[in-house]
Every structure is written in C-alpha cells, then in structure tokens.
PDB file of N, CA and C in Angstrom:
ATOM      1  N   MET A   1       0.511  -1.095  -0.311  1.00  0.00           N
ATOM      2  CA  MET A   1       0.373  -0.494   0.369  1.00  0.00           C
ATOM      3  C   MET A   1       0.790   1.294   0.041  1.00  0.00           C
ATOM      4  N   ASN A   2       2.023   1.381   0.088  1.00  0.00           N
ATOM      5  CA  ASN A   2       3.474   2.711   0.841  1.00  0.00           C
ATOM      6  C   ASN A   2       3.341   2.816  -1.570  1.00  0.00           C
ATOM      7  N   PHE A   3       3.111   2.147  -2.147  1.00  0.00           N
ATOM      8  CA  PHE A   3       3.804   2.533  -3.360  1.00  0.00           C
ATOM      9  C   PHE A   3       3.404   3.697  -4.061  1.00  0.00           C
ATOM     10  N   LEU A   4       2.596   3.966  -3.562  1.00  0.00           N
ATOM     11  CA  LEU A   4       2.131   5.358  -4.144  1.00  0.00           C
ATOM     12  C   LEU A   4       1.885   6.817  -2.806  1.00  0.00           C
ATOM     13  N   ASN A   5       2.967   6.445  -1.929  1.00  0.00           N
ATOM     14  CA  ASN A   5       2.450   7.100  -0.792  1.00  0.00           C
ATOM     15  C   ASN A   5       3.543   8.614  -0.335  1.00  0.00           C
ATOM     16  N   TRP A   6       3.038   9.439  -0.934  1.00  0.00           N
ATOM     17  CA  TRP A   6       4.230  10.317  -0.908  1.00  0.00           C
ATOM     18  C   TRP A   6       4.670  10.905   0.689  1.00  0.00           C
ATOM     19  N   ARG A   7       4.126  10.391   1.490  1.00  0.00           N
ATOM     20  CA  ARG A   7       4.897  10.906   3.229  1.00  0.00           C
ATOM     21  C   ARG A   7       5.282   9.573   3.469  1.00  0.00           C
ATOM     22  N   ASP A   8       5.504   8.490   2.791  1.00  0.00           N
ATOM     23  CA  ASP A   8       6.863   7.722   2.910  1.00  0.00           C
ATOM     24  C   ASP A   8       7.425   8.290   2.398  1.00  0.00           C
ATOM     25  N   LYS A   9       8.911   8.575   3.201  1.00  0.00           N
ATOM     26  CA  LYS A   9       9.798   9.277   2.852  1.00  0.00           C
ATOM     27  C   LYS A   9      11.072   8.394   1.728  1.00  0.00           C
ATOM     28  N   LYS A  10      11.054   7.499   2.558  1.00  0.00           N
ATOM     29  CA  LYS A  10      11.839   6.163   2.260  1.00  0.00           C
ATOM     30  C   LYS A  10      11.217   6.033   0.954  1.00  0.00           C
ATOM     31  N   TRP A  11      10.761   5.793   0.321  1.00  0.00           N
ATOM     32  CA  TRP A  11       9.983   5.861  -1.221  1.00  0.00           C
ATOM     33  C   TRP A  11      10.469   6.811  -1.846  1.00  0.00           C
ATOM     34  N   ARG A  12       9.417   8.052  -1.806  1.00  0.00           N
ATOM     35  CA  ARG A  12       9.383   9.160  -2.001  1.00  0.00           C
ATOM     36  C   ARG A  12      11.877   9.462  -2.617  1.00  0.00           C
ATOM     37  N   LYS A  13      12.238   9.245  -1.217  1.00  0.00           N
ATOM     38  CA  LYS A  13      13.693   9.081  -1.957  1.00  0.00           C
ATOM     39  C   LYS A  13      14.071   8.671  -2.494  1.00  0.00           C
ATOM     40  N   HIS A  14      13.633   6.928  -3.218  1.00  0.00           N
ATOM     41  CA  HIS A  14      14.020   5.988  -4.194  1.00  0.00           C
ATOM     42  C   HIS A  14      13.334   7.895  -5.375  1.00  0.00           C
ATOM     43  N   ALA A  15      11.753   7.374  -5.142  1.00  0.00           N
ATOM     44  CA  ALA A  15      11.520   8.057  -7.029  1.00  0.00           C
ATOM     45  C   ALA A  15      12.243   8.682  -7.047  1.00  0.00           C
ATOM     46  N   MET A  16      13.191  10.093  -6.797  1.00  0.00           N
ATOM     47  CA  MET A  16      13.737  11.291  -7.129  1.00  0.00           C
ATOM     48  C   MET A  16      14.834  10.350  -7.368  1.00  0.00           C
ATOM     49  N   ALA A  17      15.678   9.825  -6.639  1.00  0.00           N
ATOM     50  CA  ALA A  17      16.993   9.297  -7.454  1.00  0.00           C
ATOM     51  C   ALA A  17      15.491   8.494  -8.761  1.00  0.00           C
ATOM     52  N   ILE A  18      15.478   8.023  -8.709  1.00  0.00           N
ATOM     53  CA  ILE A  18      15.286   7.468 -10.259  1.00  0.00           C
ATOM     54  C   ILE A  18      15.057   9.016 -11.281  1.00  0.00           C
ATOM     55  N   LEU A  19      14.250   9.547 -11.148  1.00  0.00           N
ATOM     56  CA  LEU A  19      13.994  10.184 -11.840  1.00  0.00           C
ATOM     57  C   LEU A  19      14.802  11.120 -12.092  1.00  0.00           C
ATOM     58  N   THR A  20      15.771  12.087 -10.733  1.00  0.00           N
ATOM     59  CA  THR A  20      16.994  12.629 -11.267  1.00  0.00           C
ATOM     60  C   THR A  20      17.797  11.394 -12.487  1.00  0.00           C
ATOM     61  N   ALA A  21      18.452   9.897 -12.321  1.00  0.00           N
ATOM     62  CA  ALA A  21      19.014   9.338 -12.875  1.00  0.00           C
ATOM     63  C   ALA A  21      17.821   9.224 -14.619  1.00  0.00           C
ATOM     64  N   VAL A  22      16.326   9.240 -14.688  1.00  0.00           N
ATOM     65  CA  VAL A  22      16.303   8.959 -15.675  1.00  0.00           C
ATOM     66  C   VAL A  22      16.433  10.499 -16.415  1.00  0.00           C
ATOM     67  N   VAL A  23      16.363  11.936 -16.193  1.00  0.00           N
ATOM     68  CA  VAL A  23      17.397  13.059 -16.088  1.00  0.00           C
ATOM     69  C   VAL A  23      18.012  12.999 -16.615  1.00  0.00           C
ATOM     70  N   LEU A  24      19.568  12.696 -15.815  1.00  0.00           N
ATOM     71  CA  LEU A  24      20.709  13.095 -16.058  1.00  0.00           C
ATOM     72  C   LEU A  24      20.963  11.607 -17.168  1.00  0.00           C
ATOM     73  N   LEU A  25      20.152  10.949 -17.547  1.00  0.00           N
ATOM     74  CA  LEU A  25      20.363   9.994 -19.110  1.00  0.00           C
ATOM     75  C   LEU A  25      19.451  10.053 -20.156  1.00  0.00           C
ATOM     76  N   MET A  26      18.885  10.734 -20.213  1.00  0.00           N
ATOM     77  CA  MET A  26      18.144  11.956 -21.384  1.00  0.00           C
ATOM     78  C   MET A  26      18.911  13.066 -21.648  1.00  0.00           C
ATOM     79  N   ILE A  27      19.506  13.542 -20.518  1.00  0.00           N
ATOM     80  CA  ILE A  27      20.284  14.891 -21.317  1.00  0.00           C
ATOM     81  C   ILE A  27      21.894  14.519 -21.764  1.00  0.00           C
ATOM     82  N   VAL A  28      22.280  12.921 -21.170  1.00  0.00           N
ATOM     83  CA  VAL A  28      23.522  12.423 -21.867  1.00  0.00           C
ATOM     84  C   VAL A  28      23.371  12.429 -23.011  1.00  0.00           C
ATOM     85  N   SER A  29      22.111  11.813 -22.906  1.00  0.00           N
ATOM     86  CA  SER A  29      21.479  10.829 -24.281  1.00  0.00           C
ATOM     87  C   SER A  29      21.244  12.326 -26.059  1.00  0.00           C
ATOM     88  N   HIS A  30      21.400  13.125 -25.021  1.00  0.00           N
ATOM     89  CA  HIS A  30      20.647  14.193 -26.044  1.00  0.00           C
ATOM     90  C   HIS A  30      21.616  15.259 -26.352  1.00  0.00           C
ATOM     91  N   PRO A  31      22.568  15.341 -27.696  1.00  0.00           N
ATOM     92  CA  PRO A  31      23.668  16.152 -27.515  1.00  0.00           C
ATOM     93  C   PRO A  31      22.634  18.057 -27.740  1.00  0.00           C
ATOM     94  N   GLU A  32      22.055  17.561 -28.354  1.00  0.00           N
ATOM     95  CA  GLU A  32      21.306  19.769 -27.474  1.00  0.00           C
ATOM     96  C   GLU A  32      20.400  20.072 -26.298  1.00  0.00           C
ATOM     97  N   LEU A  33      20.853  18.939 -25.632  1.00  0.00           N
ATOM     98  CA  LEU A  33      20.077  18.753 -24.514  1.00  0.00           C
ATOM     99  C   LEU A  33      21.064  19.699 -23.221  1.00  0.00           C
ATOM    100  N   ARG A  34      22.562  19.434 -24.201  1.00  0.00           N
ATOM    101  CA  ARG A  34      24.064  19.825 -22.585  1.00  0.00           C
ATOM    102  C   ARG A  34      23.785  20.994 -22.854  1.00  0.00           C
ATOM    103  N   LEU A  35      22.789  21.861 -22.911  1.00  0.00           N
ATOM    104  CA  LEU A  35      22.421  23.160 -22.710  1.00  0.00           C
ATOM    105  C   LEU A  35      21.972  23.978 -21.600  1.00  0.00           C
ATOM    106  N   LEU A  36      21.455  22.701 -20.949  1.00  0.00           N
ATOM    107  CA  LEU A  36      20.532  23.216 -20.231  1.00  0.00           C
ATOM    108  C   LEU A  36      21.498  22.441 -18.179  1.00  0.00           C
ATOM    109  N   PHE A  37      22.191  22.050 -18.744  1.00  0.00           N
ATOM    110  CA  PHE A  37      22.906  21.729 -17.740  1.00  0.00           C
ATOM    111  C   PHE A  37      23.495  23.322 -16.523  1.00  0.00           C
ATOM    112  N   PRO A  38      23.739  24.682 -16.819  1.00  0.00           N
ATOM    113  CA  PRO A  38      23.587  25.557 -16.340  1.00  0.00           C
ATOM    114  C   PRO A  38      22.509  25.910 -15.840  1.00  0.00           C
ATOM    115  N   LEU A  39      21.180  25.149 -16.625  1.00  0.00           N
ATOM    116  CA  LEU A  39      19.838  25.779 -15.972  1.00  0.00           C
ATOM    117  C   LEU A  39      19.747  24.772 -14.790  1.00  0.00           C
ATOM    118  N   ILE A  40      19.883  23.267 -14.887  1.00  0.00           N
ATOM    119  CA  ILE A  40      20.054  23.139 -13.981  1.00  0.00           C
ATOM    120  C   ILE A  40      20.844  22.984 -12.630  1.00  0.00           C
ATOM    121  N   ASP A  41      21.889  23.310 -12.659  1.00  0.00           N
ATOM    122  CA  ASP A  41      23.083  23.170 -12.013  1.00  0.00           C
ATOM    123  C   ASP A  41      22.409  25.641 -11.042  1.00  0.00           C
ATOM    124  N   ALA A  42      21.642  25.955 -12.137  1.00  0.00           N
ATOM    125  CA  ALA A  42      21.506  27.638 -11.413  1.00  0.00           C
ATOM    126  C   ALA A  42      20.054  27.007  -9.835  1.00  0.00           C
ATOM    127  N   ILE A  43      19.162  26.320 -11.180  1.00  0.00           N
ATOM    128  CA  ILE A  43      17.270  26.209 -10.664  1.00  0.00           C
ATOM    129  C   ILE A  43      17.449  25.144  -9.131  1.00  0.00           C
ATOM    130  N   GLY A  44      18.515  24.290  -9.929  1.00  0.00           N
ATOM    131  CA  GLY A  44      17.651  22.463  -9.136  1.00  0.00           C
ATOM    132  C   GLY A  44      17.693  21.589  -9.820  1.00  0.00           C
ATOM    133  N   LEU A  45      16.876  20.529  -9.562  1.00  0.00           N
ATOM    134  CA  LEU A  45      17.249  19.619 -10.421  1.00  0.00           C
ATOM    135  C   LEU A  45      15.032  19.634 -10.046  1.00  0.00           C
ATOM    136  N   ASP A  46      14.729  18.930  -8.827  1.00  0.00           N
ATOM    137  CA  ASP A  46      13.664  18.789  -8.558  1.00  0.00           C
ATOM    138  C   ASP A  46      12.816  19.872  -8.718  1.00  0.00           C
ATOM    139  N   VAL A  47      13.984  21.219  -8.822  1.00  0.00           N
ATOM    140  CA  VAL A  47      12.792  22.661  -9.505  1.00  0.00           C
ATOM    141  C   VAL A  47      12.469  22.471 -11.098  1.00  0.00           C
ATOM    142  N   LEU A  48      13.686  22.022 -11.534  1.00  0.00           N
ATOM    143  CA  LEU A  48      13.160  20.771 -12.867  1.00  0.00           C
ATOM    144  C   LEU A  48      12.134  20.392 -13.354  1.00  0.00           C
ATOM    145  N   ILE A  49      12.174  19.591 -12.356  1.00  0.00           N
ATOM    146  CA  ILE A  49      11.575  18.308 -12.964  1.00  0.00           C
ATOM    147  C   ILE A  49      10.334  18.671 -12.956  1.00  0.00           C
ATOM    148  N   THR A  50       9.798  20.131 -11.720  1.00  0.00           N
ATOM    149  CA  THR A  50       8.372  20.452 -10.777  1.00  0.00           C
ATOM    150  C   THR A  50       7.457  21.003 -12.700  1.00  0.00           C
ATOM    151  N   LEU A  51       9.268  21.844 -13.283  1.00  0.00           N
ATOM    152  CA  LEU A  51       9.068  22.848 -14.308  1.00  0.00           C
ATOM    153  C   LEU A  51       8.390  22.477 -15.216  1.00  0.00           C
ATOM    154  N   LEU A  52       8.788  20.877 -15.932  1.00  0.00           N
ATOM    155  CA  LEU A  52       8.683  19.824 -16.588  1.00  0.00           C
ATOM    156  C   LEU A  52       7.612  19.478 -16.317  1.00  0.00           C
ATOM    157  N   SER A  53       7.060  18.519 -15.545  1.00  0.00           N
ATOM    158  CA  SER A  53       5.469  17.972 -15.563  1.00  0.00           C
ATOM    159  C   SER A  53       4.775  19.166 -15.177  1.00  0.00           C
ATOM    160  N   VAL A  54       4.678  20.281 -14.941  1.00  0.00           N
ATOM    161  CA  VAL A  54       4.030  21.453 -14.567  1.00  0.00           C
ATOM    162  C   VAL A  54       3.788  21.341 -16.483  1.00  0.00           C
ATOM    163  N   GLN A  55       4.267  21.674 -17.193  1.00  0.00           N
ATOM    164  CA  GLN A  55       3.789  21.931 -18.824  1.00  0.00           C
ATOM    165  C   GLN A  55       3.605  20.419 -19.287  1.00  0.00           C
ATOM    166  N   PHE A  56       4.250  19.319 -18.931  1.00  0.00           N
ATOM    167  CA  PHE A  56       3.173  17.877 -19.061  1.00  0.00           C
ATOM    168  C   PHE A  56       1.684  17.999 -19.068  1.00  0.00           C
ATOM    169  N   ILE A  57       1.554  18.079 -18.029  1.00  0.00           N
ATOM    170  CA  ILE A  57       0.075  18.068 -17.044  1.00  0.00           C
ATOM    171  C   ILE A  57      -0.776  19.268 -18.597  1.00  0.00           C
ATOM    172  N   SER A  58      -0.017  19.874 -17.941  1.00  0.00           N
ATOM    173  CA  SER A  58      -0.888  21.827 -18.898  1.00  0.00           C
ATOM    174  C   SER A  58      -1.377  20.902 -20.227  1.00  0.00           C
ATOM    175  N   LEU A  59       0.226  20.021 -21.164  1.00  0.00           N
ATOM    176  CA  LEU A  59       0.301  19.718 -22.282  1.00  0.00           C
ATOM    177  C   LEU A  59      -1.248  18.945 -22.738  1.00  0.00           C
ATOM    178  N   PHE A  60      -0.923  17.713 -21.895  1.00  0.00           N
ATOM    179  CA  PHE A  60      -1.564  16.356 -22.543  1.00  0.00           C
ATOM    180  C   PHE A  60      -2.988  15.826 -21.205  1.00  0.00           C
ATOM    181  N   SER A  61      -3.270  17.139 -20.549  1.00  0.00           N
ATOM    182  CA  SER A  61      -4.318  16.395 -19.993  1.00  0.00           C
ATOM    183  C   SER A  61      -6.160  16.508 -20.382  1.00  0.00           C
ATOM    184  N   ASP A  62      -5.264  16.761 -21.308  1.00  0.00           N
ATOM    185  CA  ASP A  62      -7.202  16.964 -22.528  1.00  0.00           C
ATOM    186  C   ASP A  62      -7.159  15.204 -22.724  1.00  0.00           C
ATOM    187  N   TYR A  63      -5.934  14.418 -23.224  1.00  0.00           N
ATOM    188  CA  TYR A  63      -5.660  13.716 -24.106  1.00  0.00           C
ATOM    189  C   TYR A  63      -5.567  12.644 -22.401  1.00  0.00           C
ATOM    190  N   ALA A  64      -4.969  12.272 -21.978  1.00  0.00           N
ATOM    191  CA  ALA A  64      -4.694  11.555 -20.744  1.00  0.00           C
ATOM    192  C   ALA A  64      -5.642  11.181 -20.009  1.00  0.00           C
ATOM    193  N   LYS A  65      -6.272  12.016 -19.112  1.00  0.00           N
ATOM    194  CA  LYS A  65      -7.740  11.884 -18.037  1.00  0.00           C
ATOM    195  C   LYS A  65      -8.803  11.654 -19.152  1.00  0.00           C
ATOM    196  N   PRO A  66      -9.466  11.688 -20.151  1.00  0.00           N
ATOM    197  CA  PRO A  66     -10.034  10.838 -19.996  1.00  0.00           C
ATOM    198  C   PRO A  66      -9.869   9.328 -20.542  1.00  0.00           C
ATOM    199  N   SER A  67      -8.347   9.051 -20.971  1.00  0.00           N
ATOM    200  CA  SER A  67      -8.102   7.876 -21.759  1.00  0.00           C
ATOM    201  C   SER A  67      -8.147   6.671 -19.836  1.00  0.00           C
ATOM    202  N   LEU A  68      -7.545   7.486 -19.053  1.00  0.00           N
ATOM    203  CA  LEU A  68      -7.190   7.294 -17.808  1.00  0.00           C
ATOM    204  C   LEU A  68      -8.645   7.129 -17.161  1.00  0.00           C
ATOM    205  N   LEU A  69      -9.090   7.620 -17.171  1.00  0.00           N
ATOM    206  CA  LEU A  69     -10.126   7.442 -16.922  1.00  0.00           C
ATOM    207  C   LEU A  69     -11.299   6.303 -17.462  1.00  0.00           C
ATOM    208  N   LEU A  70     -10.987   6.095 -18.560  1.00  0.00           N
ATOM    209  CA  LEU A  70     -11.539   5.086 -19.543  1.00  0.00           C
ATOM    210  C   LEU A  70     -11.459   3.823 -19.314  1.00  0.00           C
ATOM    211  N   LEU A  71      -9.609   3.488 -18.918  1.00  0.00           N
ATOM    212  CA  LEU A  71      -9.007   2.223 -18.714  1.00  0.00           C
ATOM    213  C   LEU A  71      -9.747   2.628 -16.862  1.00  0.00           C
ATOM    214  N   TYR A  72     -10.221   2.807 -16.071  1.00  0.00           N
ATOM    215  CA  TYR A  72     -10.272   2.615 -15.135  1.00  0.00           C
ATOM    216  C   TYR A  72     -11.381   2.336 -14.568  1.00  0.00           C
ATOM    217  N   ASP A  73     -12.374   2.441 -15.836  1.00  0.00           N
ATOM    218  CA  ASP A  73     -14.074   2.249 -15.838  1.00  0.00           C
ATOM    219  C   ASP A  73     -13.839   0.280 -16.670  1.00  0.00           C
ATOM    220  N   GLU A  74     -13.245   0.487 -17.711  1.00  0.00           N
ATOM    221  CA  GLU A  74     -13.521  -0.724 -18.241  1.00  0.00           C
ATOM    222  C   GLU A  74     -12.751  -2.092 -17.657  1.00  0.00           C
ATOM    223  N   ALA A  75     -10.909  -1.542 -17.008  1.00  0.00           N
ATOM    224  CA  ALA A  75     -10.363  -2.278 -16.945  1.00  0.00           C
ATOM    225  C   ALA A  75     -10.251  -2.742 -15.055  1.00  0.00           C
ATOM    226  N   LEU A  76      -9.663  -1.455 -14.924  1.00  0.00           N
ATOM    227  CA  LEU A  76      -9.444  -2.062 -13.544  1.00  0.00           C
ATOM    228  C   LEU A  76     -10.590  -2.014 -12.474  1.00  0.00           C
ATOM    229  N   LEU A  77     -12.240  -1.881 -12.745  1.00  0.00           N
ATOM    230  CA  LEU A  77     -12.828  -2.192 -11.711  1.00  0.00           C
ATOM    231  C   LEU A  77     -13.579  -3.275 -12.292  1.00  0.00           C
ATOM    232  N   PRO A  78     -13.467  -3.501 -13.357  1.00  0.00           N
ATOM    233  CA  PRO A  78     -14.767  -5.095 -13.361  1.00  0.00           C
ATOM    234  C   PRO A  78     -12.977  -6.443 -12.838  1.00  0.00           C
ATOM    235  N   LEU A  79     -11.751  -5.617 -12.708  1.00  0.00           N
ATOM    236  CA  LEU A  79     -10.640  -6.670 -12.255  1.00  0.00           C
ATOM    237  C   LEU A  79     -10.307  -7.097 -10.645  1.00  0.00           C
ATOM    238  N   ALA A  80     -10.304  -5.922 -10.307  1.00  0.00           N
ATOM    239  CA  ALA A  80     -11.215  -5.257  -8.711  1.00  0.00           C
ATOM    240  C   ALA A  80     -12.221  -5.387  -8.462  1.00  0.00           C
ATOM    241  N   GLY A  81     -13.319  -5.852  -9.206  1.00  0.00           N
ATOM    242  CA  GLY A  81     -14.539  -7.269  -8.758  1.00  0.00           C
ATOM    243  C   GLY A  81     -13.906  -8.729  -9.320  1.00  0.00           C
ATOM    244  N   LYS A  82     -13.233  -9.279  -9.814  1.00  0.00           N
ATOM    245  CA  LYS A  82     -13.140 -10.615  -9.818  1.00  0.00           C
ATOM    246  C   LYS A  82     -12.340 -10.593  -9.013  1.00  0.00           C
ATOM    247  N   CYS A  83     -11.387  -9.883  -8.600  1.00  0.00           N
ATOM    248  CA  CYS A  83     -10.249 -10.646  -7.417  1.00  0.00           C
ATOM    249  C   CYS A  83     -11.036 -10.452  -6.266  1.00  0.00           C
ATOM    250  N   HIS A  84     -12.125  -9.610  -6.384  1.00  0.00           N
ATOM    251  CA  HIS A  84     -13.336  -9.938  -4.800  1.00  0.00           C
ATOM    252  C   HIS A  84     -14.198 -10.930  -5.161  1.00  0.00           C
ATOM    253  N   GLY A  85     -14.740 -11.224  -6.009  1.00  0.00           N
ATOM    254  CA  GLY A  85     -14.885 -12.862  -6.636  1.00  0.00           C
ATOM    255  C   GLY A  85     -13.777 -14.070  -6.409  1.00  0.00           C
ATOM    256  N   LEU A  86     -13.096 -13.654  -5.876  1.00  0.00           N
ATOM    257  CA  LEU A  86     -12.182 -14.837  -6.051  1.00  0.00           C
ATOM    258  C   LEU A  86     -11.209 -14.788  -3.965  1.00  0.00           C
ATOM    259  N   LEU A  87     -11.983 -13.720  -3.748  1.00  0.00           N
ATOM    260  CA  LEU A  87     -11.218 -13.503  -2.334  1.00  0.00           C
ATOM    261  C   LEU A  87     -12.345 -13.818  -1.613  1.00  0.00           C
ATOM    262  N   MET A  88     -13.542 -13.476  -1.567  1.00  0.00           N
ATOM    263  CA  MET A  88     -14.866 -14.342  -1.422  1.00  0.00           C
ATOM    264  C   MET A  88     -15.299 -16.449  -1.919  1.00  0.00           C
ATOM    265  N   PHE A  89     -14.737 -16.132  -3.114  1.00  0.00           N
ATOM    266  CA  PHE A  89     -14.412 -18.114  -2.937  1.00  0.00           C
ATOM    267  C   PHE A  89     -13.077 -18.474  -2.209  1.00  0.00           C
ATOM    268  N   PHE A  90     -12.257 -18.738  -2.291  1.00  0.00           N
ATOM    269  CA  PHE A  90     -10.932 -18.842  -1.372  1.00  0.00           C
ATOM    270  C   PHE A  90     -10.718 -18.965   0.248  1.00  0.00           C
ATOM    271  N   THR A  91     -11.618 -17.321   0.533  1.00  0.00           N
ATOM    272  CA  THR A  91     -11.269 -17.360   1.816  1.00  0.00           C
ATOM    273  C   THR A  91     -12.181 -17.186   2.683  1.00  0.00           C
ATOM    274  N   GLY A  92     -13.851 -17.472   1.989  1.00  0.00           N
ATOM    275  CA  GLY A  92     -15.247 -17.576   3.028  1.00  0.00           C
ATOM    276  C   GLY A  92     -15.121 -17.234   3.747  1.00  0.00           C
ATOM    277  N   THR A  93     -15.650 -16.865   4.908  1.00  0.00           N
ATOM    278  CA  THR A  93     -16.108 -16.113   5.931  1.00  0.00           C
ATOM    279  C   THR A  93     -14.971 -14.640   6.532  1.00  0.00           C
ATOM    280  N   PHE A  94     -13.382 -15.032   6.448  1.00  0.00           N
ATOM    281  CA  PHE A  94     -12.542 -14.648   6.603  1.00  0.00           C
ATOM    282  C   PHE A  94     -12.923 -13.315   5.542  1.00  0.00           C
ATOM    283  N   GLY A  95     -12.283 -13.959   4.252  1.00  0.00           N
ATOM    284  CA  GLY A  95     -12.679 -12.406   3.298  1.00  0.00           C
ATOM    285  C   GLY A  95     -13.850 -11.498   3.099  1.00  0.00           C
ATOM    286  N   HIS A  96     -15.109 -11.838   4.235  1.00  0.00           N
ATOM    287  CA  HIS A  96     -16.209 -10.939   4.619  1.00  0.00           C
ATOM    288  C   HIS A  96     -14.650  -9.667   5.636  1.00  0.00           C
ATOM    289  N   TYR A  97     -14.295 -10.435   6.430  1.00  0.00           N
ATOM    290  CA  TYR A  97     -14.185  -9.573   7.213  1.00  0.00           C
ATOM    291  C   TYR A  97     -12.994  -8.660   6.388  1.00  0.00           C
ATOM    292  N   LEU A  98     -12.224  -8.996   5.075  1.00  0.00           N
ATOM    293  CA  LEU A  98     -11.041  -8.368   4.839  1.00  0.00           C
ATOM    294  C   LEU A  98     -12.267  -7.339   4.314  1.00  0.00           C
ATOM    295  N   THR A  99     -12.979  -7.768   3.662  1.00  0.00           N
ATOM    296  CA  THR A  99     -14.001  -6.777   3.432  1.00  0.00           C
ATOM    297  C   THR A  99     -14.631  -5.320   3.655  1.00  0.00           C
ATOM    298  N   VAL A 100     -15.236  -5.856   4.845  1.00  0.00           N
ATOM    299  CA  VAL A 100     -14.879  -4.858   5.756  1.00  0.00           C
ATOM    300  C   VAL A 100     -14.034  -3.467   6.372  1.00  0.00           C
ATOM    301  N   LYS A 101     -13.085  -4.646   6.350  1.00  0.00           N
ATOM    302  CA  LYS A 101     -11.399  -3.801   6.216  1.00  0.00           C
ATOM    303  C   LYS A 101     -10.921  -3.249   5.636  1.00  0.00           C
ATOM    304  N   ILE A 102     -11.031  -3.715   4.408  1.00  0.00           N
ATOM    305  CA  ILE A 102     -10.462  -2.552   3.163  1.00  0.00           C
ATOM    306  C   ILE A 102     -11.825  -1.010   2.617  1.00  0.00           C
ATOM    307  N   TYR A 103     -13.055  -1.683   2.977  1.00  0.00           N
ATOM    308  CA  TYR A 103     -14.255  -0.604   2.546  1.00  0.00           C
ATOM    309  C   TYR A 103     -13.571   0.683   3.923  1.00  0.00           C
ATOM    310  N   ASP A 104     -13.794  -0.165   5.647  1.00  0.00           N
ATOM    311  CA  ASP A 104     -13.348   1.008   5.476  1.00  0.00           C
ATOM    312  C   ASP A 104     -12.074   1.588   6.424  1.00  0.00           C
ATOM    313  N   PHE A 105     -10.997   1.542   5.443  1.00  0.00           N
ATOM    314  CA  PHE A 105      -9.750   2.099   5.336  1.00  0.00           C
ATOM    315  C   PHE A 105     -10.099   2.888   4.183  1.00  0.00           C
ATOM    316  N   HIS A 106     -10.463   2.835   2.810  1.00  0.00           N
ATOM    317  CA  HIS A 106     -10.384   3.771   2.551  1.00  0.00           C
ATOM    318  C   HIS A 106     -12.153   4.844   2.416  1.00  0.00           C
ATOM    319  N   SER A 107     -13.312   4.909   3.107  1.00  0.00           N
ATOM    320  CA  SER A 107     -13.923   5.687   3.511  1.00  0.00           C
ATOM    321  C   SER A 107     -13.026   6.378   4.363  1.00  0.00           C
ATOM    322  N   ARG A 108     -12.642   6.441   5.350  1.00  0.00           N
ATOM    323  CA  ARG A 108     -11.056   6.880   6.140  1.00  0.00           C
ATOM    324  C   ARG A 108      -9.907   7.983   5.114  1.00  0.00           C
ATOM    325  N   LEU A 109      -9.278   7.238   4.037  1.00  0.00           N
ATOM    326  CA  LEU A 109      -9.227   7.966   3.003  1.00  0.00           C
ATOM    327  C   LEU A 109     -10.199   9.106   2.303  1.00  0.00           C
ATOM    328  N   SER A 110     -11.343   8.639   1.480  1.00  0.00           N
ATOM    329  CA  SER A 110     -12.078   9.654   1.350  1.00  0.00           C
ATOM    330  C   SER A 110     -13.481  10.163   2.000  1.00  0.00           C
ATOM    331  N   PRO A 111     -13.553  11.238   1.838  1.00  0.00           N
ATOM    332  CA  PRO A 111     -15.303  11.356   3.073  1.00  0.00           C
ATOM    333  C   PRO A 111     -15.703  11.132   1.790  1.00  0.00           C
ATOM    334  N   ALA A 112     -15.790  11.502   0.473  1.00  0.00           N
ATOM    335  CA  ALA A 112     -17.242  11.416  -0.947  1.00  0.00           C
ATOM    336  C   ALA A 112     -16.848   9.864  -0.946  1.00  0.00           C
ATOM    337  N   ALA A 113     -16.684   8.785   0.030  1.00  0.00           N
ATOM    338  CA  ALA A 113     -16.329   7.330  -0.550  1.00  0.00           C
ATOM    339  C   ALA A 113     -17.496   6.925   0.833  1.00  0.00           C
ATOM    340  N   ARG A 114     -17.794   7.560   1.683  1.00  0.00           N
ATOM    341  CA  ARG A 114     -18.440   7.463   3.037  1.00  0.00           C
ATOM    342  C   ARG A 114     -20.193   7.539   2.888  1.00  0.00           C
ATOM    343  N   ASN A 115     -20.306   8.180   1.291  1.00  0.00           N
ATOM    344  CA  ASN A 115     -22.132   8.252   1.221  1.00  0.00           C
ATOM    345  C   ASN A 115     -22.276   7.233   0.250  1.00  0.00           C
ATOM    346  N   ILE A 116     -22.205   5.825  -0.184  1.00  0.00           N
ATOM    347  CA  ILE A 116     -21.863   4.917  -0.483  1.00  0.00           C
ATOM    348  C   ILE A 116     -22.476   3.618   0.548  1.00  0.00           C
TER     349      ILE A 116
END
C-alpha cells in the first residue's frame, strides 16, 4: 500500500533518485540538451522536474485524463470485482472481514466514499 504514498520518505527518496537518473540519462543521450546543464545547476533538479511535470500536465491533460478514466472504468474496476469474487470464494468468512476492513480504510481516505 506504500507504493504511491508520498508521505513515506523512503519511497520518495527512491523515486527522486530514479527520476534524477532518468533525466540525467536523457540529457546525456541528447547533445542538444547539454545546454540545460547551467539551468539545472542554477535552479536545481527538483525545480526543473516540477516545471517539466507542470508543462506535461498542461499539455496532455486533455488527452490523458479521459484515457485514464476509461482504463479505470473498463479494466481496473472489473478486475477488482473479479479479484474480490476470488477472495470471497477462497477465504469464505474471513473474506467478508477483509472486505469490511478495506471499505473502512477507503472511507477514512476519502470523505466522498462515506456516501456509499
């Protein structure tokens, strides 16, 4: 569950290290991007990545958001339902206990889920 948890400092440190390596490999592999080194040195790599992510979101949010919502509705929700069915089949009464715990955890995460 800590895979996408930004509050976990260990995961955040590993993610930033991977992003740093990817950006540096991208810059090294393209000679035209070598002129970005003074900019990166001046403002820092984290600010550069933030600027690039904001630019990416502003350019591709109109295309990515509907696609991701469609993927969520058509693939992830049915897969979650089938996994829940398998959980109920193999675990019996304990599966109901796990379902209640998952719903309880989900309701604590988002107030909108309390209206279910």
